[in-house]
Amino acid sequence: MSAARPIVVHGPTVDEQTRCVHYATALDVVAIRFFCCDRYYPCHLCHAESETHAARVWPLARRAEPAILCGVCRSELSIERYLEVDGCPACAAPFNPGCRLHSHLYFEVP
């Protein structure tokens, strides 16, 4: 039985908990798996600076898929679960409530 590969977070991160050069408060501890390239980035700006393609949002029909990484405990959350909580269900690390202001950049809005 082989061990699972660690999840790589791309872009200009500043620590192991997925904070980046754009968002680095104590609450900025999530990374998003971008629908367009299947790579985790801390934020939309990191993706824009690191990729040569435009970001595409996750379709509503795929919200059950894991696409959010808790930078504290490395648990993956589905999009629908992430949008329901204020912190990680696995380790209780609080998430930045301000991220909801940018959710339309990552997820299709109903």
PDB file of N, CA and C in Angstrom:
ATOM      1  N   MET A   1       0.843  -1.180   0.000  1.00  0.00           N
ATOM      2  CA  MET A   1       0.000   0.000   0.000  1.00  0.00           C
ATOM      3  C   MET A   1       0.888   1.243   0.000  1.00  0.00           C
ATOM      4  N   SER A   2       0.711   2.123  -0.959  1.00  0.00           N
ATOM      5  CA  SER A   2       1.541   3.317  -1.042  1.00  0.00           C
ATOM      6  C   SER A   2       0.877   4.477  -0.314  1.00  0.00           C
ATOM      7  N   ALA A   3       1.699   5.360   0.192  1.00  0.00           N
ATOM      8  CA  ALA A   3       1.187   6.537   0.899  1.00  0.00           C
ATOM      9  C   ALA A   3       0.640   7.541  -0.107  1.00  0.00           C
ATOM     10  N   ALA A   4      -0.364   8.282   0.298  1.00  0.00           N
ATOM     11  CA  ALA A   4      -0.934   9.311  -0.567  1.00  0.00           C
ATOM     12  C   ALA A   4       0.094  10.417  -0.774  1.00  0.00           C
ATOM     13  N   ARG A   5       0.121  10.934  -1.992  1.00  0.00           N
ATOM     14  CA  ARG A   5       1.033  12.041  -2.282  1.00  0.00           C
ATOM     15  C   ARG A   5       0.546  13.296  -1.577  1.00  0.00           C
ATOM     16  N   PRO A   6       1.463  14.077  -1.039  1.00  0.00           N
ATOM     17  CA  PRO A   6       1.041  15.328  -0.420  1.00  0.00           C
ATOM     18  C   PRO A   6       0.477  16.276  -1.477  1.00  0.00           C
ATOM     19  N   ILE A   7      -0.476  17.076  -1.086  1.00  0.00           N
ATOM     20  CA  ILE A   7      -1.075  18.045  -1.993  1.00  0.00           C
ATOM     21  C   ILE A   7      -0.143  19.241  -2.111  1.00  0.00           C
ATOM     22  N   VAL A   8       0.156  19.619  -3.332  1.00  0.00           N
ATOM     23  CA  VAL A   8       1.026  20.758  -3.598  1.00  0.00           C
ATOM     24  C   VAL A   8       0.153  21.999  -3.794  1.00  0.00           C
ATOM     25  N   VAL A   9       0.519  23.074  -3.125  1.00  0.00           N
ATOM     26  CA  VAL A   9      -0.142  24.361  -3.314  1.00  0.00           C
ATOM     27  C   VAL A   9       0.803  25.233  -4.117  1.00  0.00           C
ATOM     28  N   HIS A  10       0.331  25.678  -5.262  1.00  0.00           N
ATOM     29  CA  HIS A  10       1.144  26.451  -6.195  1.00  0.00           C
ATOM     30  C   HIS A  10       1.004  27.944  -5.925  1.00  0.00           C
ATOM     31  N   GLY A  11       1.899  28.716  -6.518  1.00  0.00           N
ATOM     32  CA  GLY A  11       1.834  30.164  -6.386  1.00  0.00           C
ATOM     33  C   GLY A  11       2.754  30.682  -5.302  1.00  0.00           C
ATOM     34  N   PRO A  12       2.749  31.992  -5.110  1.00  0.00           N
ATOM     35  CA  PRO A  12       3.662  32.629  -4.148  1.00  0.00           C
ATOM     36  C   PRO A  12       3.175  32.505  -2.699  1.00  0.00           C
ATOM     37  N   THR A  13       3.272  31.285  -2.171  1.00  0.00           N
ATOM     38  CA  THR A  13       2.877  31.068  -0.782  1.00  0.00           C
ATOM     39  C   THR A  13       3.961  31.606   0.151  1.00  0.00           C
ATOM     40  N   VAL A  14       3.554  31.969   1.363  1.00  0.00           N
ATOM     41  CA  VAL A  14       4.515  32.490   2.329  1.00  0.00           C
ATOM     42  C   VAL A  14       4.716  31.568   3.523  1.00  0.00           C
ATOM     43  N   ASP A  15       3.865  30.540   3.640  1.00  0.00           N
ATOM     44  CA  ASP A  15       4.058  29.568   4.720  1.00  0.00           C
ATOM     45  C   ASP A  15       3.398  28.241   4.368  1.00  0.00           C
ATOM     46  N   GLU A  16       3.544  27.268   5.259  1.00  0.00           N
ATOM     47  CA  GLU A  16       3.019  25.924   5.031  1.00  0.00           C
ATOM     48  C   GLU A  16       1.503  25.847   5.168  1.00  0.00           C
ATOM     49  N   GLN A  17       0.879  26.895   5.681  1.00  0.00           N
ATOM     50  CA  GLN A  17      -0.568  26.872   5.901  1.00  0.00           C
ATOM     51  C   GLN A  17      -1.328  27.557   4.756  1.00  0.00           C
ATOM     52  N   THR A  18      -0.709  27.683   3.626  1.00  0.00           N
ATOM     53  CA  THR A  18      -1.267  28.188   2.365  1.00  0.00           C
ATOM     54  C   THR A  18      -1.468  29.696   2.302  1.00  0.00           C
ATOM     55  N   ARG A  19      -0.926  30.451   3.250  1.00  0.00           N
ATOM     56  CA  ARG A  19      -1.001  31.911   3.124  1.00  0.00           C
ATOM     57  C   ARG A  19      -0.140  32.324   1.931  1.00  0.00           C
ATOM     58  N   CYS A  20      -0.510  33.439   1.313  1.00  0.00           N
ATOM     59  CA  CYS A  20       0.221  33.873   0.127  1.00  0.00           C
ATOM     60  C   CYS A  20       0.617  35.340   0.254  1.00  0.00           C
ATOM     61  N   VAL A  21       1.283  35.844  -0.752  1.00  0.00           N
ATOM     62  CA  VAL A  21       1.737  37.234  -0.721  1.00  0.00           C
ATOM     63  C   VAL A  21       0.563  38.213  -0.788  1.00  0.00           C
ATOM     64  N   HIS A  22      -0.605  37.749  -1.225  1.00  0.00           N
ATOM     65  CA  HIS A  22      -1.775  38.621  -1.350  1.00  0.00           C
ATOM     66  C   HIS A  22      -2.661  38.608  -0.104  1.00  0.00           C
ATOM     67  N   TYR A  23      -2.781  37.438   0.516  1.00  0.00           N
ATOM     68  CA  TYR A  23      -3.651  37.254   1.682  1.00  0.00           C
ATOM     69  C   TYR A  23      -2.878  36.447   2.720  1.00  0.00           C
ATOM     70  N   ALA A  24      -2.483  37.115   3.803  1.00  0.00           N
ATOM     71  CA  ALA A  24      -1.618  36.438   4.772  1.00  0.00           C
ATOM     72  C   ALA A  24      -2.018  36.688   6.213  1.00  0.00           C
ATOM     73  N   THR A  25      -3.324  36.858   6.472  1.00  0.00           N
ATOM     74  CA  THR A  25      -3.759  37.019   7.858  1.00  0.00           C
ATOM     75  C   THR A  25      -3.821  35.656   8.537  1.00  0.00           C
ATOM     76  N   ALA A  26      -4.046  35.652   9.815  1.00  0.00           N
ATOM     77  CA  ALA A  26      -4.157  34.403  10.572  1.00  0.00           C
ATOM     78  C   ALA A  26      -5.282  33.514  10.035  1.00  0.00           C
ATOM     79  N   LEU A  27      -6.306  34.122   9.419  1.00  0.00           N
ATOM     80  CA  LEU A  27      -7.460  33.360   8.931  1.00  0.00           C
ATOM     81  C   LEU A  27      -7.327  32.892   7.481  1.00  0.00           C
ATOM     82  N   ASP A  28      -6.292  33.293   6.786  1.00  0.00           N
ATOM     83  CA  ASP A  28      -6.123  32.935   5.373  1.00  0.00           C
ATOM     84  C   ASP A  28      -5.427  31.586   5.234  1.00  0.00           C
ATOM     85  N   VAL A  29      -6.172  30.535   5.548  1.00  0.00           N
ATOM     86  CA  VAL A  29      -5.583  29.192   5.594  1.00  0.00           C
ATOM     87  C   VAL A  29      -6.328  28.196   4.708  1.00  0.00           C
ATOM     88  N   VAL A  30      -6.792  28.644   3.552  1.00  0.00           N
ATOM     89  CA  VAL A  30      -7.371  27.704   2.594  1.00  0.00           C
ATOM     90  C   VAL A  30      -6.717  27.908   1.236  1.00  0.00           C
ATOM     91  N   ALA A  31      -6.715  26.842   0.478  1.00  0.00           N
ATOM     92  CA  ALA A  31      -6.310  26.897  -0.921  1.00  0.00           C
ATOM     93  C   ALA A  31      -7.457  26.307  -1.724  1.00  0.00           C
ATOM     94  N   ILE A  32      -7.601  26.781  -2.944  1.00  0.00           N
ATOM     95  CA  ILE A  32      -8.690  26.357  -3.817  1.00  0.00           C
ATOM     96  C   ILE A  32      -8.113  25.578  -4.983  1.00  0.00           C
ATOM     97  N   ARG A  33      -8.708  24.422  -5.254  1.00  0.00           N
ATOM     98  CA  ARG A  33      -8.317  23.664  -6.445  1.00  0.00           C
ATOM     99  C   ARG A  33      -9.082  24.282  -7.610  1.00  0.00           C
ATOM    100  N   PHE A  34      -8.361  24.878  -8.533  1.00  0.00           N
ATOM    101  CA  PHE A  34      -8.993  25.578  -9.635  1.00  0.00           C
ATOM    102  C   PHE A  34      -9.538  24.585 -10.654  1.00  0.00           C
ATOM    103  N   PHE A  35     -10.758  24.839 -11.073  1.00  0.00           N
ATOM    104  CA  PHE A  35     -11.455  23.960 -12.003  1.00  0.00           C
ATOM    105  C   PHE A  35     -10.719  23.850 -13.336  1.00  0.00           C
ATOM    106  N   CYS A  36     -10.135  24.932 -13.785  1.00  0.00           N
ATOM    107  CA  CYS A  36      -9.502  24.986 -15.102  1.00  0.00           C
ATOM    108  C   CYS A  36      -8.236  24.153 -15.210  1.00  0.00           C
ATOM    109  N   CYS A  37      -7.480  24.025 -14.148  1.00  0.00           N
ATOM    110  CA  CYS A  37      -6.179  23.363 -14.252  1.00  0.00           C
ATOM    111  C   CYS A  37      -5.945  22.280 -13.204  1.00  0.00           C
ATOM    112  N   ASP A  38      -6.925  22.076 -12.305  1.00  0.00           N
ATOM    113  CA  ASP A  38      -6.818  21.022 -11.290  1.00  0.00           C
ATOM    114  C   ASP A  38      -5.592  21.206 -10.390  1.00  0.00           C
ATOM    115  N   ARG A  39      -5.237  22.469 -10.136  1.00  0.00           N
ATOM    116  CA  ARG A  39      -4.099  22.786  -9.262  1.00  0.00           C
ATOM    117  C   ARG A  39      -4.590  23.673  -8.131  1.00  0.00           C
ATOM    118  N   TYR A  40      -4.058  23.431  -6.947  1.00  0.00           N
ATOM    119  CA  TYR A  40      -4.400  24.252  -5.791  1.00  0.00           C
ATOM    120  C   TYR A  40      -3.602  25.555  -5.787  1.00  0.00           C
ATOM    121  N   TYR A  41      -4.312  26.658  -5.529  1.00  0.00           N
ATOM    122  CA  TYR A  41      -3.708  27.977  -5.339  1.00  0.00           C
ATOM    123  C   TYR A  41      -4.354  28.628  -4.120  1.00  0.00           C
ATOM    124  N   PRO A  42      -3.604  29.480  -3.405  1.00  0.00           N
ATOM    125  CA  PRO A  42      -4.183  30.180  -2.264  1.00  0.00           C
ATOM    126  C   PRO A  42      -5.270  31.184  -2.642  1.00  0.00           C
ATOM    127  N   CYS A  43      -5.165  31.764  -3.842  1.00  0.00           N
ATOM    128  CA  CYS A  43      -6.146  32.785  -4.212  1.00  0.00           C
ATOM    129  C   CYS A  43      -6.173  32.993  -5.721  1.00  0.00           C
ATOM    130  N   HIS A  44      -7.149  33.771  -6.161  1.00  0.00           N
ATOM    131  CA  HIS A  44      -7.307  34.066  -7.588  1.00  0.00           C
ATOM    132  C   HIS A  44      -6.124  34.853  -8.140  1.00  0.00           C
ATOM    133  N   LEU A  45      -5.525  35.706  -7.338  1.00  0.00           N
ATOM    134  CA  LEU A  45      -4.368  36.483  -7.801  1.00  0.00           C
ATOM    135  C   LEU A  45      -3.140  35.591  -8.008  1.00  0.00           C
ATOM    136  N   CYS A  46      -2.955  34.631  -7.118  1.00  0.00           N
ATOM    137  CA  CYS A  46      -1.846  33.677  -7.286  1.00  0.00           C
ATOM    138  C   CYS A  46      -2.015  32.896  -8.580  1.00  0.00           C
ATOM    139  N   HIS A  47      -3.242  32.453  -8.857  1.00  0.00           N
ATOM    140  CA  HIS A  47      -3.517  31.729 -10.097  1.00  0.00           C
ATOM    141  C   HIS A  47      -3.214  32.616 -11.307  1.00  0.00           C
ATOM    142  N   ALA A  48      -3.700  33.840 -11.285  1.00  0.00           N
ATOM    143  CA  ALA A  48      -3.505  34.756 -12.418  1.00  0.00           C
ATOM    144  C   ALA A  48      -2.023  35.022 -12.675  1.00  0.00           C
ATOM    145  N   GLU A  49      -1.234  35.136 -11.624  1.00  0.00           N
ATOM    146  CA  GLU A  49       0.196  35.404 -11.772  1.00  0.00           C
ATOM    147  C   GLU A  49       0.999  34.181 -12.205  1.00  0.00           C
ATOM    148  N   SER A  50       0.466  32.997 -11.937  1.00  0.00           N
ATOM    149  CA  SER A  50       1.238  31.771 -12.163  1.00  0.00           C
ATOM    150  C   SER A  50       0.857  30.994 -13.412  1.00  0.00           C
ATOM    151  N   GLU A  51      -0.345  31.195 -13.926  1.00  0.00           N
ATOM    152  CA  GLU A  51      -0.832  30.415 -15.070  1.00  0.00           C
ATOM    153  C   GLU A  51      -0.931  31.300 -16.319  1.00  0.00           C
ATOM    154  N   THR A  52      -0.969  30.661 -17.469  1.00  0.00           N
ATOM    155  CA  THR A  52      -1.109  31.386 -18.734  1.00  0.00           C
ATOM    156  C   THR A  52      -2.535  31.339 -19.262  1.00  0.00           C
ATOM    157  N   HIS A  53      -3.428  30.721 -18.526  1.00  0.00           N
ATOM    158  CA  HIS A  53      -4.832  30.631 -18.940  1.00  0.00           C
ATOM    159  C   HIS A  53      -5.719  31.367 -17.930  1.00  0.00           C
ATOM    160  N   ALA A  54      -6.903  31.712 -18.377  1.00  0.00           N
ATOM    161  CA  ALA A  54      -7.879  32.361 -17.494  1.00  0.00           C
ATOM    162  C   ALA A  54      -8.488  31.324 -16.553  1.00  0.00           C
ATOM    163  N   ALA A  55      -8.810  31.764 -15.364  1.00  0.00           N
ATOM    164  CA  ALA A  55      -9.467  30.887 -14.394  1.00  0.00           C
ATOM    165  C   ALA A  55     -10.894  30.600 -14.843  1.00  0.00           C
ATOM    166  N   ARG A  56     -11.342  29.386 -14.564  1.00  0.00           N
ATOM    167  CA  ARG A  56     -12.738  29.006 -14.810  1.00  0.00           C
ATOM    168  C   ARG A  56     -13.361  28.608 -13.483  1.00  0.00           C
ATOM    169  N   VAL A  57     -14.606  28.982 -13.277  1.00  0.00           N
ATOM    170  CA  VAL A  57     -15.281  28.685 -12.014  1.00  0.00           C
ATOM    171  C   VAL A  57     -15.821  27.262 -12.004  1.00  0.00           C
ATOM    172  N   TRP A  58     -15.964  26.726 -10.785  1.00  0.00           N
ATOM    173  CA  TRP A  58     -16.562  25.414 -10.602  1.00  0.00           C
ATOM    174  C   TRP A  58     -18.048  25.490 -10.916  1.00  0.00           C
ATOM    175  N   PRO A  59     -18.564  24.587 -11.762  1.00  0.00           N
ATOM    176  CA  PRO A  59     -20.000  24.577 -12.057  1.00  0.00           C
ATOM    177  C   PRO A  59     -20.813  24.156 -10.826  1.00  0.00           C
ATOM    178  N   LEU A  60     -22.017  24.661 -10.733  1.00  0.00           N
ATOM    179  CA  LEU A  60     -22.908  24.304  -9.625  1.00  0.00           C
ATOM    180  C   LEU A  60     -23.057  22.796  -9.482  1.00  0.00           C
ATOM    181  N   ALA A  61     -23.149  22.105 -10.585  1.00  0.00           N
ATOM    182  CA  ALA A  61     -23.376  20.661 -10.574  1.00  0.00           C
ATOM    183  C   ALA A  61     -22.218  19.863  -9.970  1.00  0.00           C
ATOM    184  N   ARG A  62     -21.069  20.512  -9.746  1.00  0.00           N
ATOM    185  CA  ARG A  62     -19.896  19.790  -9.224  1.00  0.00           C
ATOM    186  C   ARG A  62     -19.480  20.257  -7.834  1.00  0.00           C
ATOM    187  N   ARG A  63     -20.413  20.846  -7.111  1.00  0.00           N
ATOM    188  CA  ARG A  63     -20.093  21.345  -5.773  1.00  0.00           C
ATOM    189  C   ARG A  63     -19.812  20.251  -4.745  1.00  0.00           C
ATOM    190  N   ALA A  64     -20.135  19.019  -5.044  1.00  0.00           N
ATOM    191  CA  ALA A  64     -19.874  17.924  -4.107  1.00  0.00           C
ATOM    192  C   ALA A  64     -18.424  17.454  -4.159  1.00  0.00           C
ATOM    193  N   GLU A  65     -17.668  17.935  -5.125  1.00  0.00           N
ATOM    194  CA  GLU A  65     -16.282  17.496  -5.279  1.00  0.00           C
ATOM    195  C   GLU A  65     -15.343  18.214  -4.309  1.00  0.00           C
ATOM    196  N   PRO A  66     -14.307  17.517  -3.833  1.00  0.00           N
ATOM    197  CA  PRO A  66     -13.324  18.184  -2.978  1.00  0.00           C
ATOM    198  C   PRO A  66     -12.522  19.190  -3.787  1.00  0.00           C
ATOM    199  N   ALA A  67     -12.522  20.441  -3.318  1.00  0.00           N
ATOM    200  CA  ALA A  67     -11.799  21.489  -4.040  1.00  0.00           C
ATOM    201  C   ALA A  67     -11.236  22.544  -3.106  1.00  0.00           C
ATOM    202  N   ILE A  68     -11.356  22.333  -1.807  1.00  0.00           N
ATOM    203  CA  ILE A  68     -10.840  23.278  -0.827  1.00  0.00           C
ATOM    204  C   ILE A  68      -9.893  22.528   0.106  1.00  0.00           C
ATOM    205  N   LEU A  69      -8.747  23.100   0.338  1.00  0.00           N
ATOM    206  CA  LEU A  69      -7.752  22.501   1.226  1.00  0.00           C
ATOM    207  C   LEU A  69      -7.591  23.362   2.465  1.00  0.00           C
ATOM    208  N   CYS A  70      -7.753  22.764   3.636  1.00  0.00           N
ATOM    209  CA  CYS A  70      -7.437  23.468   4.884  1.00  0.00           C
ATOM    210  C   CYS A  70      -5.919  23.470   5.020  1.00  0.00           C
ATOM    211  N   GLY A  71      -5.342  24.639   5.105  1.00  0.00           N
ATOM    212  CA  GLY A  71      -3.894  24.743   5.213  1.00  0.00           C
ATOM    213  C   GLY A  71      -3.351  24.335   6.565  1.00  0.00           C
ATOM    214  N   VAL A  72      -4.216  24.265   7.566  1.00  0.00           N
ATOM    215  CA  VAL A  72      -3.761  23.885   8.905  1.00  0.00           C
ATOM    216  C   VAL A  72      -3.604  22.374   9.029  1.00  0.00           C
ATOM    217  N   CYS A  73      -4.671  21.623   8.679  1.00  0.00           N
ATOM    218  CA  CYS A  73      -4.616  20.167   8.857  1.00  0.00           C
ATOM    219  C   CYS A  73      -4.521  19.385   7.547  1.00  0.00           C
ATOM    220  N   ARG A  74      -4.605  20.093   6.411  1.00  0.00           N
ATOM    221  CA  ARG A  74      -4.505  19.505   5.070  1.00  0.00           C
ATOM    222  C   ARG A  74      -5.705  18.639   4.702  1.00  0.00           C
ATOM    223  N   SER A  75      -6.824  18.831   5.369  1.00  0.00           N
ATOM    224  CA  SER A  75      -8.057  18.144   4.982  1.00  0.00           C
ATOM    225  C   SER A  75      -8.641  18.811   3.749  1.00  0.00           C
ATOM    226  N   GLU A  76      -9.270  18.000   2.893  1.00  0.00           N
ATOM    227  CA  GLU A  76      -9.969  18.542   1.734  1.00  0.00           C
ATOM    228  C   GLU A  76     -11.459  18.590   2.032  1.00  0.00           C
ATOM    229  N   LEU A  77     -12.085  19.668   1.603  1.00  0.00           N
ATOM    230  CA  LEU A  77     -13.518  19.850   1.781  1.00  0.00           C
ATOM    231  C   LEU A  77     -14.172  19.966   0.414  1.00  0.00           C
ATOM    232  N   SER A  78     -15.405  19.514   0.339  1.00  0.00           N
ATOM    233  CA  SER A  78     -16.161  19.767  -0.882  1.00  0.00           C
ATOM    234  C   SER A  78     -16.502  21.253  -0.906  1.00  0.00           C
ATOM    235  N   ILE A  79     -16.840  21.746  -2.075  1.00  0.00           N
ATOM    236  CA  ILE A  79     -17.222  23.150  -2.204  1.00  0.00           C
ATOM    237  C   ILE A  79     -18.466  23.427  -1.378  1.00  0.00           C
ATOM    238  N   GLU A  80     -19.464  22.535  -1.466  1.00  0.00           N
ATOM    239  CA  GLU A  80     -20.698  22.768  -0.719  1.00  0.00           C
ATOM    240  C   GLU A  80     -20.451  22.792   0.780  1.00  0.00           C
ATOM    241  N   ARG A  81     -19.582  21.934   1.282  1.00  0.00           N
ATOM    242  CA  ARG A  81     -19.274  21.931   2.725  1.00  0.00           C
ATOM    243  C   ARG A  81     -18.545  23.214   3.112  1.00  0.00           C
ATOM    244  N   TYR A  82     -17.580  23.615   2.312  1.00  0.00           N
ATOM    245  CA  TYR A  82     -16.824  24.839   2.583  1.00  0.00           C
ATOM    246  C   TYR A  82     -17.752  26.052   2.668  1.00  0.00           C
ATOM    247  N   LEU A  83     -18.720  26.114   1.777  1.00  0.00           N
ATOM    248  CA  LEU A  83     -19.639  27.256   1.760  1.00  0.00           C
ATOM    249  C   LEU A  83     -20.610  27.251   2.935  1.00  0.00           C
ATOM    250  N   GLU A  84     -20.706  26.120   3.647  1.00  0.00           N
ATOM    251  CA  GLU A  84     -21.604  26.001   4.802  1.00  0.00           C
ATOM    252  C   GLU A  84     -20.930  26.333   6.130  1.00  0.00           C
ATOM    253  N   VAL A  85     -19.617  26.336   6.184  1.00  0.00           N
ATOM    254  CA  VAL A  85     -18.907  26.437   7.451  1.00  0.00           C
ATOM    255  C   VAL A  85     -18.088  27.721   7.561  1.00  0.00           C
ATOM    256  N   ASP A  86     -17.698  28.054   8.789  1.00  0.00           N
ATOM    257  CA  ASP A  86     -16.832  29.205   9.048  1.00  0.00           C
ATOM    258  C   ASP A  86     -15.421  28.782   9.434  1.00  0.00           C
ATOM    259  N   GLY A  87     -15.221  27.463   9.493  1.00  0.00           N
ATOM    260  CA  GLY A  87     -13.928  26.921   9.861  1.00  0.00           C
ATOM    261  C   GLY A  87     -13.841  25.476   9.440  1.00  0.00           C
ATOM    262  N   CYS A  88     -12.690  24.899   9.618  1.00  0.00           N
ATOM    263  CA  CYS A  88     -12.458  23.524   9.188  1.00  0.00           C
ATOM    264  C   CYS A  88     -13.219  22.535  10.069  1.00  0.00           C
ATOM    265  N   PRO A  89     -14.027  21.668   9.470  1.00  0.00           N
ATOM    266  CA  PRO A  89     -14.740  20.661  10.250  1.00  0.00           C
ATOM    267  C   PRO A  89     -13.796  19.643  10.900  1.00  0.00           C
ATOM    268  N   ALA A  90     -12.613  19.462  10.347  1.00  0.00           N
ATOM    269  CA  ALA A  90     -11.679  18.471  10.871  1.00  0.00           C
ATOM    270  C   ALA A  90     -10.846  18.989  12.046  1.00  0.00           C
ATOM    271  N   CYS A  91     -10.363  20.245  11.946  1.00  0.00           N
ATOM    272  CA  CYS A  91      -9.447  20.744  12.991  1.00  0.00           C
ATOM    273  C   CYS A  91      -9.934  22.015  13.677  1.00  0.00           C
ATOM    274  N   ALA A  92     -11.042  22.558  13.247  1.00  0.00           N
ATOM    275  CA  ALA A  92     -11.660  23.760  13.831  1.00  0.00           C
ATOM    276  C   ALA A  92     -10.894  25.055  13.546  1.00  0.00           C
ATOM    277  N   ALA A  93      -9.913  25.017  12.659  1.00  0.00           N
ATOM    278  CA  ALA A  93      -9.222  26.261  12.287  1.00  0.00           C
ATOM    279  C   ALA A  93     -10.235  27.208  11.651  1.00  0.00           C
ATOM    280  N   PRO A  94     -10.301  28.456  12.102  1.00  0.00           N
ATOM    281  CA  PRO A  94     -11.255  29.395  11.501  1.00  0.00           C
ATOM    282  C   PRO A  94     -10.800  29.831  10.110  1.00  0.00           C
ATOM    283  N   PHE A  95     -11.785  30.017   9.225  1.00  0.00           N
ATOM    284  CA  PHE A  95     -11.523  30.494   7.874  1.00  0.00           C
ATOM    285  C   PHE A  95     -11.886  31.964   7.782  1.00  0.00           C
ATOM    286  N   ASN A  96     -11.276  32.660   6.858  1.00  0.00           N
ATOM    287  CA  ASN A  96     -11.523  34.085   6.664  1.00  0.00           C
ATOM    288  C   ASN A  96     -12.930  34.304   6.086  1.00  0.00           C
ATOM    289  N   PRO A  97     -13.827  34.939   6.835  1.00  0.00           N
ATOM    290  CA  PRO A  97     -15.174  35.179   6.305  1.00  0.00           C
ATOM    291  C   PRO A  97     -15.159  36.112   5.093  1.00  0.00           C
ATOM    292  N   GLY A  98     -14.112  36.889   4.927  1.00  0.00           N
ATOM    293  CA  GLY A  98     -13.983  37.775   3.780  1.00  0.00           C
ATOM    294  C   GLY A  98     -13.824  37.036   2.463  1.00  0.00           C
ATOM    295  N   CYS A  99     -13.443  35.763   2.523  1.00  0.00           N
ATOM    296  CA  CYS A  99     -13.310  34.967   1.302  1.00  0.00           C
ATOM    297  C   CYS A  99     -14.642  34.848   0.562  1.00  0.00           C
ATOM    298  N   ARG A 100     -15.728  34.958   1.296  1.00  0.00           N
ATOM    299  CA  ARG A 100     -17.045  34.876   0.646  1.00  0.00           C
ATOM    300  C   ARG A 100     -17.237  36.002  -0.361  1.00  0.00           C
ATOM    301  N   LEU A 101     -16.549  37.113  -0.175  1.00  0.00           N
ATOM    302  CA  LEU A 101     -16.645  38.223  -1.126  1.00  0.00           C
ATOM    303  C   LEU A 101     -16.086  37.849  -2.495  1.00  0.00           C
ATOM    304  N   HIS A 102     -15.212  36.863  -2.525  1.00  0.00           N
ATOM    305  CA  HIS A 102     -14.572  36.441  -3.772  1.00  0.00           C
ATOM    306  C   HIS A 102     -15.107  35.116  -4.291  1.00  0.00           C
ATOM    307  N   SER A 103     -16.093  34.531  -3.654  1.00  0.00           N
ATOM    308  CA  SER A 103     -16.534  33.185  -4.042  1.00  0.00           C
ATOM    309  C   SER A 103     -16.988  33.111  -5.498  1.00  0.00           C
ATOM    310  N   HIS A 104     -17.505  34.191  -6.046  1.00  0.00           N
ATOM    311  CA  HIS A 104     -17.935  34.197  -7.452  1.00  0.00           C
ATOM    312  C   HIS A 104     -16.745  34.035  -8.412  1.00  0.00           C
ATOM    313  N   LEU A 105     -15.536  34.250  -7.932  1.00  0.00           N
ATOM    314  CA  LEU A 105     -14.351  34.067  -8.764  1.00  0.00           C
ATOM    315  C   LEU A 105     -13.949  32.589  -8.858  1.00  0.00           C
ATOM    316  N   TYR A 106     -14.484  31.773  -7.946  1.00  0.00           N
ATOM    317  CA  TYR A 106     -14.126  30.354  -7.873  1.00  0.00           C
ATOM    318  C   TYR A 106     -15.284  29.431  -8.205  1.00  0.00           C
ATOM    319  N   PHE A 107     -16.505  29.839  -7.816  1.00  0.00           N
ATOM    320  CA  PHE A 107     -17.662  28.957  -7.907  1.00  0.00           C
ATOM    321  C   PHE A 107     -18.797  29.626  -8.660  1.00  0.00           C
ATOM    322  N   GLU A 108     -19.463  28.862  -9.523  1.00  0.00           N
ATOM    323  CA  GLU A 108     -20.640  29.379 -10.215  1.00  0.00           C
ATOM    324  C   GLU A 108     -21.689  29.775  -9.181  1.00  0.00           C
ATOM    325  N   VAL A 109     -22.290  30.919  -9.382  1.00  0.00           N
ATOM    326  CA  VAL A 109     -23.277  31.448  -8.447  1.00  0.00           C
ATOM    327  C   VAL A 109     -24.662  31.012  -8.908  1.00  0.00           C
ATOM    328  N   PRO A 110     -25.491  30.508  -7.965  1.00  0.00           N
ATOM    329  CA  PRO A 110     -26.843  30.066  -8.351  1.00  0.00           C
ATOM    330  C   PRO A 110     -27.719  31.224  -8.804  1.00  0.00           C
TER     331      PRO A 110
END
